[in-house]
């Protein structure tokens, strides 16, 4: 709702888990709903494989279409509210985690939403997060309603959230958490306004990069699937080879299923495959229980060769084609909705801050602090109105900024490149130091509004 800036059909927002359906929010010329059973038989939509989850799921699945600019670039799957406590014991009627896993394998980004005043990870939420295993690079976390607590409480809430996530998500890396208040209501606590703006901007950049990376993501998934298929072929052919031709098939099958961890290690050594490419042992054992090993196929080396050839050669040429196509096409960004409010105008991120301060003012922005800078300048014994690099260095290093940063500031401030600073250039250097100390980035080249007045080129008038 926050991203689209408009209601979509089937939307219900409330403090408790109010949505009991999976809603695919997609672009359409007219506003309306398509129920799940009709959706899975539509050849133009990518949901046909979901029919295997049965009617109990399809009755809780729908597509919400509306002509919104944001949805031209991205589609959103809104999942049901997570159940907690007593409600968890009431079955949904379909395998919730399996459905989540199906979507997780196909989407480009997974966003986990937490409220700042409700951090507990229920059993169902924990199971849901575990179903994203193997897709950890896609997960982002949003700590919402962060304006409802003050800075001290927010610090504790953030720490508690990271601790809770560390118990559930089993990765050495720390997940990226975006802190903010993602709705259009006034902030309750405004002391962290700047933090919320920066975090929202980072989240928008992350989402806006998705259309550009979609082709590479699909290629990445293709490589992943190819490696998995290859490993499956090795496992299945090994089980087939070990089966007796006449008697004791059932006993041998049980023995092979129990020995699966050992078989994995043997295949890893024999074919030099990483342990990370193998499917989860427990899950594989469960699936093999219902299989007839005698119907498995033997290994076909030519097919394995074809997969190896594809991974070694074809993928590289595909990557080059994608890069060429990306360089020839204009940069695809997500537009519309909340994304447009942060792009231009005085409320865009960083407008009027740091090096951009004073960009729309007639007076030189450094002038207001120049008297204080002049006092320091004249203590450095200027000769002919200028101080040497050595004198300037003595003063600039008192900022405790590293030499690499001070060197960049010197290049920007020495407008005429004579290796010395006049009073205006010195004031500019002090202003740039202040920008860096305030936590902002330095510009690559000096913006026109920061150029000292005496160093600005006069406008040529044509007669």
Protein backbone atom coordinates (compact mmCIF):
# COMPACT_ATOMS: atom_id res chain seq x y z
CA UNK A 1 0.00 0.00 0.00
CA UNK A 2 2.87 2.32 0.89
CA UNK A 3 4.80 1.59 -2.32
CA UNK A 4 1.77 1.78 -4.65
CA UNK A 5 0.16 4.78 -2.89
CA UNK A 6 -3.28 3.41 -3.67
CA UNK A 7 -5.57 0.63 -2.47
CA UNK A 8 -5.64 -2.60 -4.46
CA UNK A 9 -8.60 -5.02 -4.73
CA UNK A 10 -8.68 -7.48 -1.83
CA UNK A 11 -6.45 -5.33 0.37
CA UNK A 12 -7.11 -5.29 4.11
CA UNK A 13 -4.76 -3.55 6.52
CA UNK A 14 -5.04 -3.98 10.28
CA UNK A 15 -2.99 -4.54 13.43
CA UNK A 16 -3.59 -8.32 13.49
CA UNK A 17 -3.01 -10.81 10.63
CA UNK A 18 -6.01 -9.73 8.57
CA UNK A 19 -4.97 -11.06 5.16
CA UNK A 20 -5.73 -14.78 4.93
CA UNK A 21 -4.82 -15.04 1.23
CA UNK A 22 -1.81 -14.92 -1.02
CA UNK A 23 -2.44 -11.92 -3.28
CA UNK A 24 -0.38 -11.44 -6.44
CA UNK A 25 -0.51 -7.67 -7.09
CA UNK A 26 0.17 -7.18 -10.81
CA UNK A 27 -0.31 -4.62 -13.58
CA UNK A 28 -3.55 -4.66 -15.52
CA UNK A 29 -5.37 -2.14 -17.74
CA UNK A 30 -8.48 -2.42 -15.58
CA UNK A 31 -8.84 -2.88 -11.84
CA UNK A 32 -10.12 -6.24 -10.68
CA UNK A 33 -9.56 -9.67 -9.10
CA UNK A 34 -8.82 -13.06 -10.63
CA UNK A 35 -9.53 -16.04 -8.27
CA UNK A 36 -6.89 -18.75 -7.76
CA UNK A 37 -8.53 -21.57 -9.75
CA UNK A 38 -8.84 -19.35 -12.84
CA UNK A 39 -5.33 -18.00 -12.30
CA UNK A 40 -3.53 -21.36 -12.43
CA UNK A 41 -5.06 -22.25 -15.82
CA UNK A 42 -4.14 -18.89 -17.39
CA UNK A 43 -1.18 -19.58 -19.75
CA UNK A 44 -0.15 -15.88 -19.66
CA UNK A 45 0.46 -15.94 -15.91
CA UNK A 46 3.41 -17.74 -14.22
CA UNK A 47 1.29 -19.61 -11.65
CA UNK A 48 0.30 -22.86 -13.40
CA UNK A 49 2.53 -25.06 -11.21
CA UNK A 50 0.68 -23.89 -8.08
CA UNK A 51 -2.27 -26.15 -8.96
CA UNK A 52 -0.49 -29.02 -7.14
CA UNK A 53 -1.26 -27.39 -3.77
CA UNK A 54 -4.96 -28.14 -4.27
CA UNK A 55 -8.25 -26.35 -3.71
CA UNK A 56 -7.58 -25.43 -0.07
CA UNK A 57 -4.72 -23.21 -1.30
CA UNK A 58 -6.34 -22.00 -4.53
CA UNK A 59 -9.34 -20.72 -2.56
CA UNK A 60 -6.85 -18.59 -0.64
CA UNK A 61 -4.99 -17.30 -3.69
CA UNK A 62 -5.90 -14.51 -6.07
CA UNK A 63 -4.43 -11.96 -8.44
CA UNK A 64 -5.20 -8.29 -7.89
CA UNK A 65 -4.74 -6.24 -11.07
CA UNK A 66 -4.66 -2.45 -11.32
CA UNK A 67 -3.20 0.17 -13.68
CA UNK A 68 -0.42 1.42 -11.37
CA UNK A 69 2.90 2.73 -12.73
CA UNK A 70 4.95 0.84 -10.09
CA UNK A 71 3.51 -2.51 -11.25
CA UNK A 72 4.81 -1.99 -14.81
CA UNK A 73 8.29 -2.82 -13.47
CA UNK A 74 7.63 -5.15 -10.54
CA UNK A 75 4.92 -7.53 -9.31
CA UNK A 76 4.33 -8.06 -5.60
CA UNK A 77 3.19 -11.22 -3.79
CA UNK A 78 1.44 -10.23 -0.56
CA UNK A 79 1.52 -13.24 1.78
CA UNK A 80 -1.03 -13.96 4.55
CA UNK A 81 -0.46 -12.70 8.07
CA UNK A 82 1.62 -15.06 10.18
CA UNK A 83 -0.32 -16.91 12.87
CA UNK A 84 0.84 -17.11 16.50
CA UNK A 85 -0.20 -18.84 19.71
CA UNK A 86 -3.38 -20.92 19.68
CA UNK A 87 -4.17 -20.03 16.05
CA UNK A 88 -1.10 -21.94 14.83
CA UNK A 89 -2.68 -25.23 15.87
CA UNK A 90 -5.57 -24.70 13.45
CA UNK A 91 -4.33 -26.03 10.13
CA UNK A 92 -4.55 -23.80 7.07
CA UNK A 93 -5.60 -26.81 4.99
CA UNK A 94 -2.51 -26.62 2.75
CA UNK A 95 1.26 -26.74 3.28
CA UNK A 96 1.95 -23.06 3.98
CA UNK A 97 5.75 -23.45 4.08
CA UNK A 98 5.82 -25.40 0.79
CA UNK A 99 3.90 -22.57 -0.92
CA UNK A 100 6.31 -19.99 0.53
CA UNK A 101 9.25 -22.06 -0.70
CA UNK A 102 7.72 -22.22 -4.21
CA UNK A 103 7.45 -18.43 -4.33
CA UNK A 104 10.87 -17.91 -2.70
CA UNK A 105 12.60 -19.87 -5.48
CA UNK A 106 11.04 -17.64 -8.15
CA UNK A 107 11.01 -14.10 -6.72
CA UNK A 108 13.86 -11.57 -6.83
CA UNK A 109 13.43 -10.15 -3.34
CA UNK A 110 11.92 -11.42 -0.06
CA UNK A 111 10.97 -8.76 2.51
CA UNK A 112 10.31 -9.80 6.13
CA UNK A 113 8.24 -7.22 8.00
CA UNK A 114 8.52 -6.66 11.76
CA UNK A 115 6.74 -4.12 13.97
CA UNK A 116 8.96 -2.20 16.39
CA UNK A 117 6.63 -3.07 19.30
CA UNK A 118 6.02 -6.72 18.34
CA UNK A 119 9.24 -8.60 17.69
CA UNK A 120 8.43 -12.14 18.78
CA UNK A 121 9.10 -14.75 16.09
CA UNK A 122 6.27 -17.28 16.43
CA UNK A 123 6.68 -20.97 15.57
CA UNK A 124 4.95 -20.45 12.22
CA UNK A 125 7.10 -17.41 11.38
CA UNK A 126 10.20 -19.41 12.31
CA UNK A 127 9.10 -22.27 10.01
CA UNK A 128 8.29 -19.76 7.25
CA UNK A 129 11.77 -18.21 7.44
CA UNK A 130 13.38 -21.68 7.43
CA UNK A 131 11.50 -22.46 4.20
CA UNK A 132 13.60 -19.68 2.55
CA UNK A 133 16.78 -21.69 3.14
CA UNK A 134 19.08 -21.42 0.15
CA UNK A 135 17.56 -18.04 -0.81
CA UNK A 136 19.33 -16.02 1.90
CA UNK A 137 20.76 -13.52 -0.61
CA UNK A 138 17.22 -12.45 -1.52
CA UNK A 139 16.08 -11.69 2.05
CA UNK A 140 15.77 -8.14 3.40
CA UNK A 141 14.22 -7.16 6.73
CA UNK A 142 12.06 -4.11 7.40
CA UNK A 143 11.60 -2.86 10.98
CA UNK A 144 8.37 -0.91 10.56
CA UNK A 145 6.59 1.60 12.87
CA UNK A 146 9.98 2.62 14.28
CA UNK A 147 8.61 6.15 14.90
CA UNK A 148 6.47 4.79 17.74
CA UNK A 149 9.52 4.36 20.01
CA UNK A 150 12.23 6.87 21.01
CA UNK A 151 15.92 6.56 20.08
CA UNK A 152 16.95 4.67 23.23
CA UNK A 153 14.11 2.14 22.85
CA UNK A 154 14.78 1.82 19.10
CA UNK A 155 18.40 0.87 19.80
CA UNK A 156 17.21 -1.90 22.15
CA UNK A 157 14.50 -3.04 19.71
CA UNK A 158 17.05 -3.28 16.87
CA UNK A 159 19.40 -5.32 19.05
CA UNK A 160 16.57 -7.65 20.09
CA UNK A 161 15.51 -8.12 16.46
CA UNK A 162 19.04 -9.01 15.34
CA UNK A 163 19.32 -11.51 18.22
CA UNK A 164 15.97 -13.12 17.31
CA UNK A 165 16.88 -13.35 13.62
CA UNK A 166 20.27 -14.85 14.47
CA UNK A 167 18.47 -17.75 16.18
CA UNK A 168 16.29 -18.47 13.13
CA UNK A 169 18.38 -17.58 10.07
CA UNK A 170 21.44 -19.79 10.14
CA UNK A 171 23.96 -17.67 8.20
CA UNK A 172 27.24 -16.06 9.32
CA UNK A 173 26.31 -12.79 7.56
CA UNK A 174 24.11 -10.19 9.23
CA UNK A 175 20.88 -9.48 7.35
CA UNK A 176 20.24 -5.97 6.05
CA UNK A 177 17.54 -4.34 8.20
CA UNK A 178 15.77 -1.19 6.98
CA UNK A 179 14.39 0.93 9.83
CA UNK A 180 11.50 3.31 9.22
CA UNK A 181 7.81 4.10 9.29
CA UNK A 182 6.39 2.84 6.03
CA UNK A 183 3.02 4.53 5.83
CA UNK A 184 1.78 8.03 4.97
CA UNK A 185 0.87 9.11 8.53
CA UNK A 186 2.75 11.81 10.51
CA UNK A 187 5.74 10.54 12.53
CA UNK A 188 5.09 10.17 16.27
CA UNK A 189 8.76 10.65 17.21
CA UNK A 190 10.59 12.92 14.77
CA UNK A 191 14.05 12.66 16.37
CA UNK A 192 15.11 9.91 13.92
CA UNK A 193 13.55 11.47 10.83
CA UNK A 194 16.84 11.70 8.94
CA UNK A 195 17.66 8.05 9.70
CA UNK A 196 14.21 6.94 8.45
CA UNK A 197 14.63 8.95 5.22
CA UNK A 198 18.07 7.46 4.53
CA UNK A 199 16.83 3.92 5.25
CA UNK A 200 13.74 4.33 3.02
CA UNK A 201 16.00 5.64 0.26
CA UNK A 202 18.27 2.59 0.58
CA UNK A 203 15.26 0.26 0.42
CA UNK A 204 13.92 2.05 -2.68
CA UNK A 205 17.33 1.78 -4.38
CA UNK A 206 17.38 -1.94 -3.60
CA UNK A 207 13.90 -2.46 -5.10
CA UNK A 208 14.65 -0.20 -8.07
CA UNK A 209 17.71 -2.26 -8.99
CA UNK A 210 15.59 -5.42 -9.40
CA UNK A 211 14.35 -4.91 -13.01
CA UNK A 212 17.93 -4.35 -14.19
CA UNK A 213 19.20 -7.51 -12.51
CA UNK A 214 16.23 -9.72 -13.50
CA UNK A 215 18.00 -11.36 -16.47
CA UNK A 216 21.15 -12.10 -14.45
CA UNK A 217 18.99 -13.49 -11.62
CA UNK A 218 17.24 -15.87 -14.06
CA UNK A 219 20.60 -16.99 -15.41
CA UNK A 220 21.83 -17.54 -11.85
CA UNK A 221 18.75 -19.70 -11.13
CA UNK A 222 19.37 -21.67 -14.33
CA UNK A 223 22.96 -22.41 -13.23
CA UNK A 224 21.72 -23.43 -9.77
CA UNK A 225 19.11 -25.79 -11.27
CA UNK A 226 21.65 -27.28 -13.71
CA UNK A 227 24.07 -28.09 -10.87
CA UNK A 228 21.23 -29.60 -8.82
CA UNK A 229 20.04 -31.71 -11.77
CA UNK A 230 23.57 -33.02 -12.27
CA UNK A 231 23.91 -34.01 -8.60
CA UNK A 232 20.46 -35.67 -8.67
CA UNK A 233 21.56 -37.72 -11.67
CA UNK A 234 24.61 -38.98 -9.76
CA UNK A 235 22.52 -39.89 -6.67
CA UNK A 236 19.72 -41.62 -8.63
CA UNK A 237 22.10 -43.59 -10.89
CA UNK A 238 24.12 -44.73 -7.83
CA UNK A 239 20.95 -46.01 -6.11
CA UNK A 240 19.90 -47.79 -9.32
CA UNK A 241 23.33 -49.45 -9.64
CA UNK A 242 23.25 -50.74 -6.04
CA UNK A 243 19.82 -52.39 -6.35
CA UNK A 244 19.76 -56.23 -6.64
CA UNK A 245 18.24 -57.60 -9.86
CA UNK A 246 15.96 -60.22 -8.25
CA UNK A 247 15.61 -60.68 -4.45
CA UNK A 248 15.84 -58.40 -1.40
CA UNK A 249 14.91 -55.18 -3.17
CA UNK A 250 12.91 -53.74 -0.26
CA UNK A 251 15.63 -54.40 2.33
CA UNK A 252 18.31 -52.95 0.05
CA UNK A 253 16.16 -49.86 -0.51
CA UNK A 254 15.87 -49.27 3.27
CA UNK A 255 19.61 -49.80 3.68
CA UNK A 256 20.44 -47.31 0.90
CA UNK A 257 18.10 -44.67 2.35
CA UNK A 258 19.75 -45.02 5.78
CA UNK A 259 23.20 -44.87 4.16
CA UNK A 260 22.38 -41.71 2.19
CA UNK A 261 24.78 -39.42 4.17
CA UNK A 262 27.65 -41.86 3.42
CA UNK A 263 26.61 -42.04 -0.25
CA UNK A 264 26.76 -38.22 -0.42
CA UNK A 265 30.36 -38.24 0.90
CA UNK A 266 31.34 -41.01 -1.54
CA UNK A 267 29.88 -39.11 -4.54
CA UNK A 268 31.54 -35.87 -3.40
CA UNK A 269 34.94 -37.57 -3.47
CA UNK A 270 34.35 -39.50 -6.68
CA UNK A 271 33.04 -36.62 -8.80
CA UNK A 272 34.70 -33.68 -6.93
CA UNK A 273 31.37 -32.02 -6.08
CA UNK A 274 30.92 -29.49 -3.28
CA UNK A 275 28.80 -30.60 -0.29
CA UNK A 276 26.69 -27.46 -0.75
CA UNK A 277 25.38 -28.74 -4.13
CA UNK A 278 23.65 -31.74 -2.55
CA UNK A 279 19.97 -31.65 -1.53
CA UNK A 280 19.10 -31.80 2.17
CA UNK A 281 19.57 -35.38 3.47
CA UNK A 282 16.37 -35.63 5.55
CA UNK A 283 14.18 -34.25 2.77
CA UNK A 284 15.79 -36.55 0.21
CA UNK A 285 15.27 -39.57 2.48
CA UNK A 286 11.57 -38.71 2.86
CA UNK A 287 11.13 -38.39 -0.92
CA UNK A 288 12.98 -41.66 -1.63
CA UNK A 289 10.65 -43.61 0.70
CA UNK A 290 7.90 -43.46 -1.96
CA UNK A 291 10.11 -44.24 -4.98
CA UNK A 292 10.73 -47.51 -6.82
CA UNK A 293 14.52 -47.65 -7.19
CA UNK A 294 14.35 -50.25 -9.98
CA UNK A 295 12.66 -47.70 -12.25
CA UNK A 296 15.50 -45.20 -11.88
CA UNK A 297 17.70 -44.55 -14.93
CA UNK A 298 21.38 -45.34 -15.22
CA UNK A 299 23.88 -42.50 -15.59
CA UNK A 300 24.19 -41.09 -19.12
CA UNK A 301 27.68 -39.53 -19.41
CA UNK A 302 26.75 -37.67 -22.63
CA UNK A 303 24.01 -35.72 -20.81
CA UNK A 304 26.39 -34.88 -17.96
CA UNK A 305 28.92 -33.68 -20.57
CA UNK A 306 26.25 -31.49 -22.15
CA UNK A 307 25.50 -29.86 -18.77
CA UNK A 308 29.22 -29.34 -18.09
CA UNK A 309 29.66 -27.79 -21.54
CA UNK A 310 26.72 -25.47 -20.92
CA UNK A 311 28.11 -24.35 -17.54
CA UNK A 312 31.65 -23.90 -18.86
CA UNK A 313 30.99 -22.26 -22.25
CA UNK A 314 27.37 -21.38 -23.07
CA UNK A 315 26.70 -19.49 -19.82
CA UNK A 316 29.75 -17.24 -20.40
CA UNK A 317 28.53 -16.23 -23.86
CA UNK A 318 25.01 -15.65 -22.47
CA UNK A 319 26.47 -13.35 -19.78
CA UNK A 320 28.24 -11.31 -22.50
CA UNK A 321 24.98 -11.00 -24.45
CA UNK A 322 23.13 -9.82 -21.34
CA UNK A 323 25.84 -7.22 -20.61
CA UNK A 324 25.72 -5.94 -24.21
CA UNK A 325 21.93 -5.71 -24.09
CA UNK A 326 22.04 -3.86 -20.75
CA UNK A 327 24.58 -1.33 -22.04
CA UNK A 328 22.47 -0.64 -25.16
CA UNK A 329 19.19 -0.29 -23.27
CA UNK A 330 18.24 2.69 -21.07
CA UNK A 331 18.49 2.04 -17.33
CA UNK A 332 15.19 0.52 -16.23
CA UNK A 333 13.93 1.95 -12.95
CA UNK A 334 10.76 1.52 -10.94
CA UNK A 335 8.58 4.62 -11.28
CA UNK A 336 5.34 5.82 -9.74
CA UNK A 337 3.87 5.50 -6.25
CA UNK A 338 6.20 6.20 -3.34
CA UNK A 339 9.26 5.99 -5.63
CA UNK A 340 8.48 9.32 -7.34
CA UNK A 341 8.36 11.25 -4.07
CA UNK A 342 12.06 10.65 -3.47
CA UNK A 343 13.52 11.46 -6.85
CA UNK A 344 13.36 15.22 -7.37
CA UNK A 345 12.44 18.50 -5.70
CA UNK A 346 13.43 19.79 -2.26
CA UNK A 347 12.17 16.60 -0.55
CA UNK A 348 14.44 14.27 -2.52
CA UNK A 349 17.07 12.45 -0.46
CA UNK A 350 20.05 14.67 0.43
CA UNK A 351 18.56 17.82 -1.08
CA UNK A 352 20.03 20.88 0.64
CA UNK A 353 22.38 18.73 2.74
CA UNK A 354 26.15 18.25 2.68
CA UNK A 355 27.74 19.42 -0.58
CA UNK A 356 24.27 20.22 -2.00
CA UNK A 357 23.59 22.83 0.70
CA UNK A 358 23.16 26.29 -0.81
CA UNK A 359 22.64 24.98 -4.36
CA UNK A 360 19.49 27.07 -4.88
CA UNK A 361 20.70 30.20 -3.04
CA UNK A 362 22.16 33.32 -4.66
CA UNK A 363 24.70 33.93 -1.90
CA UNK A 364 27.81 31.75 -1.57
CA UNK A 365 26.94 29.22 1.15
CA UNK A 366 30.42 29.40 2.72
CA UNK A 367 30.04 33.17 3.31
CA UNK A 368 28.04 32.79 6.54
CA UNK A 369 30.97 31.03 8.28
CA UNK A 370 33.75 32.91 6.46
CA UNK A 371 34.45 35.49 9.25
CA UNK A 372 35.35 32.62 11.63
CA UNK A 373 37.49 30.97 8.93
CA UNK A 374 39.22 34.32 8.16
CA UNK A 375 40.39 34.61 11.78
CA UNK A 376 42.18 31.26 11.45
CA UNK A 377 43.48 32.20 7.96
CA UNK A 378 45.25 35.36 9.20
CA UNK A 379 46.96 33.47 12.07
CA UNK A 380 48.69 31.33 9.41
CA UNK A 381 50.79 34.33 8.18
CA UNK A 382 49.57 34.68 4.55
CA UNK A 383 52.05 36.18 2.05
CA UNK A 384 50.46 38.31 -0.71
CA UNK A 385 47.02 37.15 0.50
CA UNK A 386 47.82 33.41 0.21
CA UNK A 387 49.02 30.63 2.52
CA UNK A 388 51.33 27.79 1.44
CA UNK A 389 50.41 24.13 1.34
CA UNK A 390 52.52 23.48 4.47
CA UNK A 391 50.66 26.13 6.49
CA UNK A 392 47.28 24.88 5.25
CA UNK A 393 48.23 21.26 6.09
CA UNK A 394 49.05 22.21 9.72
CA UNK A 395 45.52 23.57 10.14
CA UNK A 396 43.69 20.92 8.07
CA UNK A 397 45.17 17.94 9.97
CA UNK A 398 43.61 19.26 13.21
CA UNK A 399 40.31 17.87 11.83
CA UNK A 400 41.82 14.35 12.34
CA UNK A 401 40.53 13.29 8.90
CA UNK A 402 42.82 10.82 7.05
CA UNK A 403 45.29 12.14 4.49
CA UNK A 404 43.39 10.52 1.60
CA UNK A 405 40.30 12.64 2.46
CA UNK A 406 42.29 15.83 3.13
CA UNK A 407 44.11 15.33 -0.19
CA UNK A 408 40.76 15.25 -2.00
CA UNK A 409 39.59 18.37 -0.10
CA UNK A 410 42.83 20.16 -1.10
CA UNK A 411 42.25 19.33 -4.79
CA UNK A 412 38.67 20.64 -4.62
CA UNK A 413 39.60 23.81 -2.67
CA UNK A 414 42.67 24.82 -4.72
CA UNK A 415 40.51 26.17 -7.53
CA UNK A 416 43.32 27.77 -9.55
CA UNK A 417 45.75 24.86 -8.95
CA UNK A 418 48.63 27.11 -7.84
CA UNK A 419 49.47 25.02 -4.76
CA UNK A 420 48.39 27.83 -2.41
CA UNK A 421 45.08 28.93 -0.85
CA UNK A 422 43.67 32.47 -0.69
CA UNK A 423 41.13 33.40 1.99
CA UNK A 424 38.13 32.17 -0.07
CA UNK A 425 39.81 28.88 -1.03
CA UNK A 426 40.78 28.33 2.62
CA UNK A 427 37.19 29.00 3.75
CA UNK A 428 36.02 26.49 1.11
CA UNK A 429 38.49 23.88 2.43
CA UNK A 430 37.16 24.38 5.98
CA UNK A 431 33.56 24.09 4.67
CA UNK A 432 34.38 20.80 2.90
CA UNK A 433 36.02 19.48 6.09
CA UNK A 434 32.82 20.36 7.99
CA UNK A 435 30.73 18.50 5.35
CA UNK A 436 32.87 15.37 5.80
CA UNK A 437 32.83 15.61 9.62
CA UNK A 438 29.01 15.87 9.51
CA UNK A 439 28.93 12.44 7.84
CA UNK A 440 28.25 13.47 4.21
CA UNK A 441 30.19 12.40 1.12
CA UNK A 442 32.46 14.80 -0.75
CA UNK A 443 31.55 15.62 -4.38
CA UNK A 444 33.73 14.18 -7.17
CA UNK A 445 34.10 17.63 -8.73
CA UNK A 446 33.37 20.99 -7.16
CA UNK A 447 29.72 21.99 -7.76
CA UNK A 448 29.24 25.44 -9.33
CA UNK A 449 27.49 26.87 -6.23
CA UNK A 450 30.56 26.09 -4.06
CA UNK A 451 33.08 27.80 -6.38
CA UNK A 452 34.40 30.92 -4.52
CA UNK A 453 33.01 34.17 -6.04
CA UNK A 454 36.45 35.51 -7.01
CA UNK A 455 37.19 32.28 -8.94
CA UNK A 456 33.97 32.22 -10.96
CA UNK A 457 34.38 32.90 -14.67
CA UNK A 458 32.49 36.00 -15.79
CA UNK A 459 29.65 35.36 -18.25
CA UNK A 460 30.58 36.28 -21.81
CA UNK A 461 28.04 38.63 -23.35
CA UNK A 462 27.61 38.50 -27.11
CA UNK A 463 27.39 41.87 -28.86
